[in-house]
Protein backbone atom coordinates (compact mmCIF):
# COMPACT_ATOMS: atom_id res chain seq x y z
CA LEU A 1 -5.96 -3.46 16.73
CA ARG A 2 -3.87 -2.02 19.51
CA GLU A 3 -0.14 -1.57 18.98
CA ASP A 4 0.69 -3.91 21.88
CA GLU A 5 -1.47 -6.63 20.27
CA ALA A 6 0.41 -6.26 16.99
CA MET A 7 3.76 -6.43 18.77
CA SER A 8 2.86 -9.57 20.72
CA ASP A 9 1.43 -11.22 17.58
CA SER A 10 4.53 -10.48 15.50
CA ALA A 11 6.92 -11.55 18.26
CA ALA A 12 5.21 -14.95 18.46
CA ILE A 13 5.15 -15.63 14.70
CA ASP A 14 8.20 -16.65 12.70
CA ILE A 15 9.33 -14.09 10.09
CA GLU A 16 9.28 -16.69 7.28
CA VAL A 17 5.65 -17.47 8.11
CA LEU A 18 4.85 -13.75 7.95
CA ASP A 19 6.67 -13.45 4.60
CA ILE A 20 4.45 -16.19 3.16
CA ALA A 21 1.30 -14.52 4.48
CA TYR A 22 2.45 -11.11 3.20
CA ALA A 23 3.10 -12.54 -0.27
CA ALA A 24 -0.32 -14.25 -0.31
CA ILE A 25 -2.11 -11.02 0.65
CA MET A 26 -0.18 -8.94 -1.88
CA SER A 27 -0.74 -11.53 -4.60
CA GLU A 28 -4.50 -11.45 -3.97
CA ILE A 29 -4.59 -7.65 -4.12
CA VAL A 30 -2.57 -7.57 -7.33
CA GLU A 31 -4.82 -10.22 -8.91
CA THR A 32 -8.24 -8.98 -7.75
CA GLY A 33 -7.79 -5.40 -6.52
CA VAL A 34 -9.12 -6.39 -3.08
CA ALA A 35 -7.39 -7.60 0.09
CA PRO A 36 -8.56 -11.02 1.23
CA HIS A 37 -10.60 -11.59 4.38
CA TYR A 38 -8.67 -13.62 6.94
CA ALA A 39 -11.07 -16.56 6.50
CA GLU A 40 -10.36 -16.56 2.74
CA LEU A 41 -6.63 -16.37 3.37
CA ALA A 42 -6.58 -19.24 5.88
CA PRO A 43 -6.92 -22.13 3.36
CA ARG A 44 -4.19 -20.60 1.17
CA LEU A 45 -1.89 -20.60 4.17
CA GLY A 46 -3.04 -24.01 5.40
CA VAL A 47 -4.01 -22.66 8.82
CA ALA A 48 -7.12 -22.04 10.89
CA PRO A 49 -8.90 -18.71 10.36
CA GLN A 50 -7.80 -17.31 13.75
CA GLU A 51 -4.15 -18.07 12.93
CA SER A 52 -4.60 -16.31 9.60
CA LEU A 53 -5.98 -13.28 11.44
CA ALA A 54 -3.04 -13.32 13.87
CA ARG A 55 -0.63 -13.28 10.93
CA ILE A 56 -2.47 -10.38 9.28
CA ARG A 57 -2.39 -8.43 12.54
CA ALA A 58 1.33 -9.09 12.93
CA ILE A 59 2.04 -7.88 9.38
CA ILE A 60 -0.16 -4.81 9.76
CA GLY A 61 1.56 -4.03 13.06
CA SER A 62 4.93 -3.84 11.33
CA THR A 63 3.91 -1.85 8.22
CA PRO A 64 2.22 1.49 7.54
CA GLY A 65 -0.99 -0.43 6.82
CA TRP A 66 -4.04 -0.66 9.06
CA MET A 67 -7.21 -2.57 9.79
CA HIS A 68 -10.58 -0.87 9.42
CA PRO A 69 -11.43 0.41 12.93
CA ASP A 70 -13.23 -2.07 15.17
CA THR A 71 -13.13 -4.83 12.53
CA ASP A 72 -10.91 -7.66 11.33
CA LEU A 73 -10.84 -6.24 7.79
CA ILE A 74 -7.70 -4.99 6.05
CA ALA A 75 -8.26 -1.32 5.22
CA SER A 76 -4.84 -0.49 3.83
CA PHE A 77 -1.97 -2.72 2.75
CA PRO A 78 0.75 -0.51 1.27
CA PRO A 79 1.00 0.54 -1.41
CA PHE A 80 -2.70 -0.28 -1.87
CA ASN A 81 -5.84 0.84 -0.10
CA ASN A 82 -8.69 -1.64 0.19
CA GLN A 83 -11.34 1.07 0.08
CA PRO A 84 -11.58 3.65 -2.71
CA THR A 85 -9.33 6.69 -2.51
CA GLN A 86 -8.77 9.52 -4.96
CA TYR A 87 -5.68 7.66 -6.24
CA ARG A 88 -7.03 5.30 -8.90
CA ILE A 89 -4.58 2.76 -10.30
CA SER A 90 -5.07 1.20 -13.74
CA VAL A 91 -2.90 -1.54 -15.21
CA ASP A 92 -2.90 -1.98 -18.97
CA GLY A 93 -6.19 -0.04 -19.06
CA GLU A 94 -7.98 -1.96 -16.29
CA GLN A 95 -8.85 0.07 -13.17
CA LYS A 96 -9.46 -2.00 -10.06
CA TRP A 97 -6.87 -0.74 -7.54
CA PHE A 98 -6.58 2.25 -5.24
CA ALA A 99 -3.38 3.57 -3.70
CA GLN A 100 -2.96 4.43 -0.04
CA CYS A 101 -1.63 7.88 -0.94
CA GLY A 102 -0.08 9.82 -3.82
CA PHE A 103 3.45 8.66 -3.07
CA GLU A 104 2.40 5.03 -2.62
CA ALA A 105 0.61 5.29 -5.98
CA LEU A 106 4.04 5.65 -7.57
CA ALA A 107 5.23 2.51 -5.80
CA CYS A 108 2.48 0.34 -7.31
CA ARG A 109 4.43 -0.04 -10.54
CA TRP A 110 6.91 -2.55 -9.11
CA LEU A 111 4.07 -5.04 -8.60
CA PHE A 112 3.16 -5.03 -12.31
CA ALA A 113 6.46 -5.71 -14.08
CA GLY A 114 6.44 -4.87 -17.80
CA LYS A 115 2.91 -3.44 -17.66
CA THR A 116 1.71 0.12 -18.06
CA VAL A 117 0.55 1.50 -14.72
CA ARG A 118 -1.56 4.65 -14.75
CA VAL A 119 -2.38 6.82 -11.74
CA ASP A 120 -5.40 9.13 -12.03
CA ALA A 121 -6.05 11.60 -9.23
CA PRO A 122 -7.74 14.93 -8.78
CA CYS A 123 -5.42 17.77 -7.90
CA LEU A 124 -6.12 18.63 -4.28
CA LEU A 125 -5.01 22.23 -4.89
CA GLY A 126 -6.57 22.96 -8.27
CA ASP A 127 -9.10 21.86 -10.84
CA GLU A 128 -6.82 20.00 -13.28
CA PRO A 129 -6.66 16.20 -12.88
CA LEU A 130 -3.26 14.54 -12.44
CA VAL A 131 -2.22 11.58 -14.59
CA ILE A 132 1.03 9.63 -14.53
CA GLU A 133 1.76 6.62 -16.72
CA MET A 134 4.72 4.38 -15.85
CA ARG A 135 6.23 1.09 -16.88
CA ASP A 136 8.80 -0.42 -14.56
CA GLU A 137 11.30 2.39 -13.82
CA GLU A 138 10.25 4.59 -16.75
CA ILE A 139 7.76 7.47 -16.56
CA LEU A 140 5.92 7.32 -19.89
CA SER A 141 3.81 10.45 -19.54
CA THR A 142 2.49 13.01 -17.09
CA SER A 143 -0.38 15.43 -17.30
CA PRO A 144 0.16 18.22 -16.58
CA ASN A 145 3.81 18.14 -17.66
CA THR A 146 5.03 18.99 -14.14
CA ILE A 147 3.59 17.36 -11.04
CA VAL A 148 4.77 18.19 -7.53
CA GLY A 149 4.04 16.17 -4.40
CA TYR A 150 4.01 17.44 -0.82
CA THR A 151 4.32 15.60 2.46
CA ARG A 152 4.30 16.58 6.11
CA SER A 153 6.94 13.92 6.74
CA ALA A 154 10.45 14.84 7.84
CA VAL A 155 11.86 12.62 5.06
CA GLY A 156 14.40 14.61 3.13
CA VAL A 157 14.42 17.39 5.71
CA MET A 158 16.39 15.71 8.49
CA ARG A 159 20.16 15.53 8.33
CA PRO A 160 21.96 12.37 9.48
CA THR A 161 22.94 14.18 12.69
CA GLY A 162 19.26 14.62 13.49
CA ARG A 163 19.33 18.36 12.88
CA SER A 164 16.83 19.80 10.44
CA ALA A 165 18.11 21.16 7.17
CA GLU A 166 17.02 24.59 6.06
CA VAL A 167 13.94 24.37 3.89
CA GLY A 168 12.85 27.14 1.64
C-alpha cells in the first residue's frame, strides 16, 4: 500500500464508517488473536469485500500499522502484530496474541479490562527473560524487578519549542 493510496482512501471514507471498521477489526483480534481478512470483515460491515479492503487501507494509512508487503493482509494493527513477534501476550493464562513492539505490549492491557495481561519477551540485551503482569492500570509483577525500555524515537527528548533536551 502506497501512502498516497491510503490518503485517498481515507479522504473518501467517512470517519464514522472507519470507526466501525476499526472496532470490528480490533474486536476480532481481541477475540481470536488474529486480524480478519478483508473478505471475512466485509459481511460484518455489511459491505462488498473491496469496500472492506478500502476501509482497512484507510485505517492502516492513518495508524502505525501496516499491511504485509505486496498483499492485502493486515500485518500489524497496533498494539497487536498479526504475525508472531518476541512479545507474547497472555490473558488470564491464555497466549494467543503478539504485540507490535515492547511499548505496544504494555498498551494491550486496556483491551482486556479486569483481566490479567502477561507479557513474556526475551531480553534483547541479555539472557534473562522479561515478564510483566498487569491488570487495568496496575502492574502486578515484573521479572526481573526492574525493566528498562529503549526507543530511538524523539518522544520525551524534544522540548515544546522543538529544541532537543539534553540527554545523559
